[in-house]
Amino acid sequence: MENPSITLTLTQGDALVLAAFLTDFEDHETFKTLDTAYRMALYRLHAALEHSVDDLSNPDYHQLLDAAKAVLRGYVSE
């Protein structure tokens, strides 16, 4: 079965927040109960993000993550 790839476009901030979320989510019990196919898809997404987001190894990672979260929070009225 052929499995063609797709390309997603995210801002650096979106990718940074998503990578941080996946890092945290993979440690939760809920993640461990997901169907294996879902877990594998999320692992692959996480790996792709880790290879694409330079800020993950930036010494200012936590400040950059907080700033990216603030931008995303600005899109939602809480």
PDB file of N, CA and C in Angstrom:
ATOM      1  N   MET A   1       0.848  -1.183   0.000  1.00  0.00           N
ATOM      2  CA  MET A   1       0.000   0.000   0.000  1.00  0.00           C
ATOM      3  C   MET A   1       0.889   1.241   0.000  1.00  0.00           C
ATOM      4  N   GLU A   2       0.666   2.105  -0.963  1.00  0.00           N
ATOM      5  CA  GLU A   2       1.428   3.343  -1.048  1.00  0.00           C
ATOM      6  C   GLU A   2       0.964   4.294   0.052  1.00  0.00           C
ATOM      7  N   ASN A   3       1.920   4.984   0.661  1.00  0.00           N
ATOM      8  CA  ASN A   3       1.607   5.898   1.746  1.00  0.00           C
ATOM      9  C   ASN A   3       2.247   7.250   1.451  1.00  0.00           C
ATOM     10  N   PRO A   4       1.605   8.067   0.596  1.00  0.00           N
ATOM     11  CA  PRO A   4       2.209   9.351   0.220  1.00  0.00           C
ATOM     12  C   PRO A   4       2.297  10.291   1.416  1.00  0.00           C
ATOM     13  N   SER A   5       3.275  11.173   1.371  1.00  0.00           N
ATOM     14  CA  SER A   5       3.451  12.123   2.469  1.00  0.00           C
ATOM     15  C   SER A   5       2.694  13.416   2.177  1.00  0.00           C
ATOM     16  N   ILE A   6       2.496  14.190   3.227  1.00  0.00           N
ATOM     17  CA  ILE A   6       1.894  15.518   3.104  1.00  0.00           C
ATOM     18  C   ILE A   6       2.830  16.508   3.781  1.00  0.00           C
ATOM     19  N   THR A   7       2.609  17.768   3.498  1.00  0.00           N
ATOM     20  CA  THR A   7       3.383  18.835   4.114  1.00  0.00           C
ATOM     21  C   THR A   7       2.436  19.714   4.913  1.00  0.00           C
ATOM     22  N   LEU A   8       2.799  19.961   6.169  1.00  0.00           N
ATOM     23  CA  LEU A   8       2.031  20.860   7.024  1.00  0.00           C
ATOM     24  C   LEU A   8       2.831  22.141   7.203  1.00  0.00           C
ATOM     25  N   THR A   9       2.135  23.245   7.317  1.00  0.00           N
ATOM     26  CA  THR A   9       2.795  24.516   7.572  1.00  0.00           C
ATOM     27  C   THR A   9       2.334  25.038   8.919  1.00  0.00           C
ATOM     28  N   LEU A  10       3.291  25.269   9.811  1.00  0.00           N
ATOM     29  CA  LEU A  10       3.030  25.817  11.141  1.00  0.00           C
ATOM     30  C   LEU A  10       3.970  26.988  11.370  1.00  0.00           C
ATOM     31  N   THR A  11       3.554  27.906  12.202  1.00  0.00           N
ATOM     32  CA  THR A  11       4.507  28.920  12.616  1.00  0.00           C
ATOM     33  C   THR A  11       5.519  28.265  13.558  1.00  0.00           C
ATOM     34  N   GLN A  12       6.660  28.901  13.743  1.00  0.00           N
ATOM     35  CA  GLN A  12       7.644  28.374  14.686  1.00  0.00           C
ATOM     36  C   GLN A  12       7.040  28.285  16.083  1.00  0.00           C
ATOM     37  N   GLY A  13       6.245  29.285  16.450  1.00  0.00           N
ATOM     38  CA  GLY A  13       5.607  29.281  17.762  1.00  0.00           C
ATOM     39  C   GLY A  13       4.627  28.141  17.929  1.00  0.00           C
ATOM     40  N   ASP A  14       3.807  27.923  16.899  1.00  0.00           N
ATOM     41  CA  ASP A  14       2.852  26.812  16.946  1.00  0.00           C
ATOM     42  C   ASP A  14       3.596  25.485  17.094  1.00  0.00           C
ATOM     43  N   ALA A  15       4.646  25.312  16.323  1.00  0.00           N
ATOM     44  CA  ALA A  15       5.417  24.073  16.360  1.00  0.00           C
ATOM     45  C   ALA A  15       6.083  23.878  17.720  1.00  0.00           C
ATOM     46  N   LEU A  16       6.569  24.954  18.293  1.00  0.00           N
ATOM     47  CA  LEU A  16       7.214  24.887  19.606  1.00  0.00           C
ATOM     48  C   LEU A  16       6.213  24.454  20.676  1.00  0.00           C
ATOM     49  N   VAL A  17       5.025  25.044  20.657  1.00  0.00           N
ATOM     50  CA  VAL A  17       3.986  24.694  21.632  1.00  0.00           C
ATOM     51  C   VAL A  17       3.504  23.261  21.412  1.00  0.00           C
ATOM     52  N   LEU A  18       3.327  22.869  20.183  1.00  0.00           N
ATOM     53  CA  LEU A  18       2.876  21.509  19.893  1.00  0.00           C
ATOM     54  C   LEU A  18       3.924  20.485  20.334  1.00  0.00           C
ATOM     55  N   ALA A  19       5.199  20.754  20.101  1.00  0.00           N
ATOM     56  CA  ALA A  19       6.261  19.844  20.541  1.00  0.00           C
ATOM     57  C   ALA A  19       6.276  19.728  22.063  1.00  0.00           C
ATOM     58  N   ALA A  20       6.104  20.844  22.749  1.00  0.00           N
ATOM     59  CA  ALA A  20       6.073  20.815  24.211  1.00  0.00           C
ATOM     60  C   ALA A  20       4.865  20.027  24.707  1.00  0.00           C
ATOM     61  N   PHE A  21       3.717  20.229  24.062  1.00  0.00           N
ATOM     62  CA  PHE A  21       2.514  19.474  24.437  1.00  0.00           C
ATOM     63  C   PHE A  21       2.731  17.975  24.271  1.00  0.00           C
ATOM     64  N   LEU A  22       3.286  17.580  23.136  1.00  0.00           N
ATOM     65  CA  LEU A  22       3.501  16.157  22.887  1.00  0.00           C
ATOM     66  C   LEU A  22       4.500  15.558  23.880  1.00  0.00           C
ATOM     67  N   THR A  23       5.514  16.322  24.238  1.00  0.00           N
ATOM     68  CA  THR A  23       6.473  15.854  25.244  1.00  0.00           C
ATOM     69  C   THR A  23       5.752  15.557  26.550  1.00  0.00           C
ATOM     70  N   ASP A  24       4.890  16.470  26.974  1.00  0.00           N
ATOM     71  CA  ASP A  24       4.139  16.280  28.218  1.00  0.00           C
ATOM     72  C   ASP A  24       3.105  15.157  28.084  1.00  0.00           C
ATOM     73  N   PHE A  25       2.388  15.148  26.962  1.00  0.00           N
ATOM     74  CA  PHE A  25       1.303  14.184  26.776  1.00  0.00           C
ATOM     75  C   PHE A  25       1.810  12.742  26.749  1.00  0.00           C
ATOM     76  N   GLU A  26       2.998  12.524  26.193  1.00  0.00           N
ATOM     77  CA  GLU A  26       3.542  11.177  26.114  1.00  0.00           C
ATOM     78  C   GLU A  26       3.813  10.575  27.494  1.00  0.00           C
ATOM     79  N   ASP A  27       3.880  11.402  28.527  1.00  0.00           N
ATOM     80  CA  ASP A  27       4.088  10.917  29.890  1.00  0.00           C
ATOM     81  C   ASP A  27       2.777  10.632  30.627  1.00  0.00           C
ATOM     82  N   HIS A  28       1.650  11.043  30.061  1.00  0.00           N
ATOM     83  CA  HIS A  28       0.354  10.860  30.720  1.00  0.00           C
ATOM     84  C   HIS A  28      -0.188   9.453  30.493  1.00  0.00           C
ATOM     85  N   GLU A  29      -0.917   8.970  31.469  1.00  0.00           N
ATOM     86  CA  GLU A  29      -1.529   7.645  31.376  1.00  0.00           C
ATOM     87  C   GLU A  29      -2.472   7.548  30.179  1.00  0.00           C
ATOM     88  N   THR A  30      -3.167   8.634  29.865  1.00  0.00           N
ATOM     89  CA  THR A  30      -4.095   8.643  28.735  1.00  0.00           C
ATOM     90  C   THR A  30      -3.380   8.271  27.444  1.00  0.00           C
ATOM     91  N   PHE A  31      -2.192   8.804  27.263  1.00  0.00           N
ATOM     92  CA  PHE A  31      -1.427   8.507  26.052  1.00  0.00           C
ATOM     93  C   PHE A  31      -1.163   7.005  25.942  1.00  0.00           C
ATOM     94  N   LYS A  32      -0.822   6.399  27.055  1.00  0.00           N
ATOM     95  CA  LYS A  32      -0.472   4.976  27.061  1.00  0.00           C
ATOM     96  C   LYS A  32      -1.666   4.081  26.744  1.00  0.00           C
ATOM     97  N   THR A  33      -2.883   4.603  26.903  1.00  0.00           N
ATOM     98  CA  THR A  33      -4.080   3.803  26.626  1.00  0.00           C
ATOM     99  C   THR A  33      -4.594   3.995  25.201  1.00  0.00           C
ATOM    100  N   LEU A  34      -3.993   4.898  24.451  1.00  0.00           N
ATOM    101  CA  LEU A  34      -4.429   5.127  23.075  1.00  0.00           C
ATOM    102  C   LEU A  34      -4.111   3.920  22.201  1.00  0.00           C
ATOM    103  N   ASP A  35      -4.883   3.762  21.174  1.00  0.00           N
ATOM    104  CA  ASP A  35      -4.611   2.749  20.165  1.00  0.00           C
ATOM    105  C   ASP A  35      -3.169   2.923  19.663  1.00  0.00           C
ATOM    106  N   THR A  36      -2.507   1.832  19.398  1.00  0.00           N
ATOM    107  CA  THR A  36      -1.106   1.858  18.964  1.00  0.00           C
ATOM    108  C   THR A  36      -0.915   2.727  17.721  1.00  0.00           C
ATOM    109  N   ALA A  37      -1.846   2.681  16.802  1.00  0.00           N
ATOM    110  CA  ALA A  37      -1.727   3.495  15.588  1.00  0.00           C
ATOM    111  C   ALA A  37      -1.735   4.987  15.925  1.00  0.00           C
ATOM    112  N   TYR A  38      -2.585   5.408  16.857  1.00  0.00           N
ATOM    113  CA  TYR A  38      -2.609   6.818  17.268  1.00  0.00           C
ATOM    114  C   TYR A  38      -1.288   7.205  17.923  1.00  0.00           C
ATOM    115  N   ARG A  39      -0.802   6.339  18.802  1.00  0.00           N
ATOM    116  CA  ARG A  39       0.470   6.632  19.473  1.00  0.00           C
ATOM    117  C   ARG A  39       1.607   6.753  18.463  1.00  0.00           C
ATOM    118  N   MET A  40       1.659   5.855  17.498  1.00  0.00           N
ATOM    119  CA  MET A  40       2.725   5.893  16.498  1.00  0.00           C
ATOM    120  C   MET A  40       2.644   7.162  15.653  1.00  0.00           C
ATOM    121  N   ALA A  41       1.431   7.556  15.283  1.00  0.00           N
ATOM    122  CA  ALA A  41       1.273   8.780  14.504  1.00  0.00           C
ATOM    123  C   ALA A  41       1.752   9.988  15.311  1.00  0.00           C
ATOM    124  N   LEU A  42       1.422  10.019  16.603  1.00  0.00           N
ATOM    125  CA  LEU A  42       1.870  11.125  17.457  1.00  0.00           C
ATOM    126  C   LEU A  42       3.376  11.092  17.676  1.00  0.00           C
ATOM    127  N   TYR A  43       3.947   9.900  17.838  1.00  0.00           N
ATOM    128  CA  TYR A  43       5.405   9.784  17.958  1.00  0.00           C
ATOM    129  C   TYR A  43       6.095  10.324  16.705  1.00  0.00           C
ATOM    130  N   ARG A  44       5.554   9.968  15.555  1.00  0.00           N
ATOM    131  CA  ARG A  44       6.162  10.433  14.297  1.00  0.00           C
ATOM    132  C   ARG A  44       6.033  11.945  14.138  1.00  0.00           C
ATOM    133  N   LEU A  45       4.882  12.483  14.509  1.00  0.00           N
ATOM    134  CA  LEU A  45       4.706  13.931  14.471  1.00  0.00           C
ATOM    135  C   LEU A  45       5.696  14.607  15.405  1.00  0.00           C
ATOM    136  N   HIS A  46       5.827  14.080  16.602  1.00  0.00           N
ATOM    137  CA  HIS A  46       6.745  14.637  17.589  1.00  0.00           C
ATOM    138  C   HIS A  46       8.187  14.587  17.069  1.00  0.00           C
ATOM    139  N   ALA A  47       8.582  13.482  16.484  1.00  0.00           N
ATOM    140  CA  ALA A  47       9.931  13.359  15.935  1.00  0.00           C
ATOM    141  C   ALA A  47      10.170  14.374  14.817  1.00  0.00           C
ATOM    142  N   ALA A  48       9.175  14.557  13.959  1.00  0.00           N
ATOM    143  CA  ALA A  48       9.310  15.541  12.878  1.00  0.00           C
ATOM    144  C   ALA A  48       9.465  16.946  13.441  1.00  0.00           C
ATOM    145  N   LEU A  49       8.700  17.254  14.475  1.00  0.00           N
ATOM    146  CA  LEU A  49       8.817  18.571  15.105  1.00  0.00           C
ATOM    147  C   LEU A  49      10.190  18.753  15.744  1.00  0.00           C
ATOM    148  N   GLU A  50      10.668  17.725  16.426  1.00  0.00           N
ATOM    149  CA  GLU A  50      11.980  17.819  17.072  1.00  0.00           C
ATOM    150  C   GLU A  50      13.090  18.076  16.059  1.00  0.00           C
ATOM    151  N   HIS A  51      12.946  17.556  14.855  1.00  0.00           N
ATOM    152  CA  HIS A  51      13.953  17.777  13.819  1.00  0.00           C
ATOM    153  C   HIS A  51      13.798  19.134  13.135  1.00  0.00           C
ATOM    154  N   SER A  52      12.648  19.759  13.284  1.00  0.00           N
ATOM    155  CA  SER A  52      12.356  21.002  12.567  1.00  0.00           C
ATOM    156  C   SER A  52      12.421  22.261  13.416  1.00  0.00           C
ATOM    157  N   VAL A  53      12.287  22.129  14.719  1.00  0.00           N
ATOM    158  CA  VAL A  53      12.192  23.298  15.595  1.00  0.00           C
ATOM    159  C   VAL A  53      13.526  23.513  16.304  1.00  0.00           C
ATOM    160  N   ASP A  54      14.279  24.491  15.820  1.00  0.00           N
ATOM    161  CA  ASP A  54      15.591  24.780  16.401  1.00  0.00           C
ATOM    162  C   ASP A  54      15.503  25.281  17.835  1.00  0.00           C
ATOM    163  N   ASP A  55      14.405  25.922  18.185  1.00  0.00           N
ATOM    164  CA  ASP A  55      14.287  26.532  19.512  1.00  0.00           C
ATOM    165  C   ASP A  55      14.232  25.515  20.649  1.00  0.00           C
ATOM    166  N   LEU A  56      14.034  24.232  20.337  1.00  0.00           N
ATOM    167  CA  LEU A  56      13.980  23.223  21.393  1.00  0.00           C
ATOM    168  C   LEU A  56      15.305  23.108  22.144  1.00  0.00           C
ATOM    169  N   SER A  57      16.390  23.462  21.491  1.00  0.00           N
ATOM    170  CA  SER A  57      17.698  23.405  22.148  1.00  0.00           C
ATOM    171  C   SER A  57      18.238  24.796  22.486  1.00  0.00           C
ATOM    172  N   ASN A  58      17.406  25.807  22.319  1.00  0.00           N
ATOM    173  CA  ASN A  58      17.807  27.179  22.627  1.00  0.00           C
ATOM    174  C   ASN A  58      17.897  27.367  24.141  1.00  0.00           C
ATOM    175  N   PRO A  59      18.955  28.029  24.623  1.00  0.00           N
ATOM    176  CA  PRO A  59      19.056  28.273  26.072  1.00  0.00           C
ATOM    177  C   PRO A  59      17.867  29.070  26.632  1.00  0.00           C
ATOM    178  N   ASP A  60      17.186  29.820  25.784  1.00  0.00           N
ATOM    179  CA  ASP A  60      16.022  30.610  26.199  1.00  0.00           C
ATOM    180  C   ASP A  60      14.712  29.881  25.901  1.00  0.00           C
ATOM    181  N   TYR A  61      14.778  28.557  25.831  1.00  0.00           N
ATOM    182  CA  TYR A  61      13.624  27.738  25.451  1.00  0.00           C
ATOM    183  C   TYR A  61      12.368  28.100  26.247  1.00  0.00           C
ATOM    184  N   HIS A  62      12.467  28.185  27.557  1.00  0.00           N
ATOM    185  CA  HIS A  62      11.272  28.416  28.378  1.00  0.00           C
ATOM    186  C   HIS A  62      10.661  29.791  28.111  1.00  0.00           C
ATOM    187  N   GLN A  63      11.484  30.796  27.898  1.00  0.00           N
ATOM    188  CA  GLN A  63      10.951  32.124  27.564  1.00  0.00           C
ATOM    189  C   GLN A  63      10.292  32.105  26.184  1.00  0.00           C
ATOM    190  N   LEU A  64      10.929  31.415  25.226  1.00  0.00           N
ATOM    191  CA  LEU A  64      10.355  31.323  23.887  1.00  0.00           C
ATOM    192  C   LEU A  64       9.025  30.565  23.913  1.00  0.00           C
ATOM    193  N   LEU A  65       8.978  29.491  24.686  1.00  0.00           N
ATOM    194  CA  LEU A  65       7.739  28.719  24.810  1.00  0.00           C
ATOM    195  C   LEU A  65       6.645  29.557  25.452  1.00  0.00           C
ATOM    196  N   ASP A  66       6.971  30.280  26.519  1.00  0.00           N
ATOM    197  CA  ASP A  66       5.977  31.146  27.169  1.00  0.00           C
ATOM    198  C   ASP A  66       5.458  32.209  26.209  1.00  0.00           C
ATOM    199  N   ALA A  67       6.347  32.786  25.403  1.00  0.00           N
ATOM    200  CA  ALA A  67       5.937  33.812  24.442  1.00  0.00           C
ATOM    201  C   ALA A  67       5.032  33.208  23.363  1.00  0.00           C
ATOM    202  N   ALA A  68       5.373  32.023  22.888  1.00  0.00           N
ATOM    203  CA  ALA A  68       4.550  31.366  21.868  1.00  0.00           C
ATOM    204  C   ALA A  68       3.177  31.009  22.425  1.00  0.00           C
ATOM    205  N   LYS A  69       3.130  30.552  23.676  1.00  0.00           N
ATOM    206  CA  LYS A  69       1.843  30.252  24.312  1.00  0.00           C
ATOM    207  C   LYS A  69       1.008  31.518  24.447  1.00  0.00           C
ATOM    208  N   ALA A  70       1.643  32.619  24.803  1.00  0.00           N
ATOM    209  CA  ALA A  70       0.906  33.886  24.952  1.00  0.00           C
ATOM    210  C   ALA A  70       0.285  34.316  23.635  1.00  0.00           C
ATOM    211  N   VAL A  71       1.016  34.136  22.550  1.00  0.00           N
ATOM    212  CA  VAL A  71       0.478  34.476  21.236  1.00  0.00           C
ATOM    213  C   VAL A  71      -0.748  33.612  20.930  1.00  0.00           C
ATOM    214  N   LEU A  72      -0.633  32.321  21.161  1.00  0.00           N
ATOM    215  CA  LEU A  72      -1.761  31.417  20.911  1.00  0.00           C
ATOM    216  C   LEU A  72      -2.944  31.718  21.812  1.00  0.00           C
ATOM    217  N   ARG A  73      -2.678  32.051  23.044  1.00  0.00           N
ATOM    218  CA  ARG A  73      -3.779  32.396  23.958  1.00  0.00           C
ATOM    219  C   ARG A  73      -4.520  33.648  23.478  1.00  0.00           C
ATOM    220  N   GLY A  74      -3.819  34.510  22.776  1.00  0.00           N
ATOM    221  CA  GLY A  74      -4.433  35.733  22.245  1.00  0.00           C
ATOM    222  C   GLY A  74      -5.498  35.470  21.200  1.00  0.00           C
ATOM    223  N   TYR A  75      -5.504  34.267  20.628  1.00  0.00           N
ATOM    224  CA  TYR A  75      -6.505  33.903  19.614  1.00  0.00           C
ATOM    225  C   TYR A  75      -7.802  33.438  20.242  1.00  0.00           C
ATOM    226  N   VAL A  76      -7.800  33.189  21.552  1.00  0.00           N
ATOM    227  CA  VAL A  76      -8.967  32.635  22.239  1.00  0.00           C
ATOM    228  C   VAL A  76      -9.361  33.578  23.364  1.00  0.00           C
ATOM    229  N   SER A  77     -10.640  33.904  23.414  1.00  0.00           N
ATOM    230  CA  SER A  77     -11.087  34.704  24.549  1.00  0.00           C
ATOM    231  C   SER A  77     -11.453  33.750  25.670  1.00  0.00           C
ATOM    232  N   GLU A  78     -10.761  33.889  26.775  1.00  0.00           N
ATOM    233  CA  GLU A  78     -10.975  32.973  27.906  1.00  0.00           C
ATOM    234  C   GLU A  78     -11.911  33.573  28.911  1.00  0.00           C
TER     235      GLU A  78
END
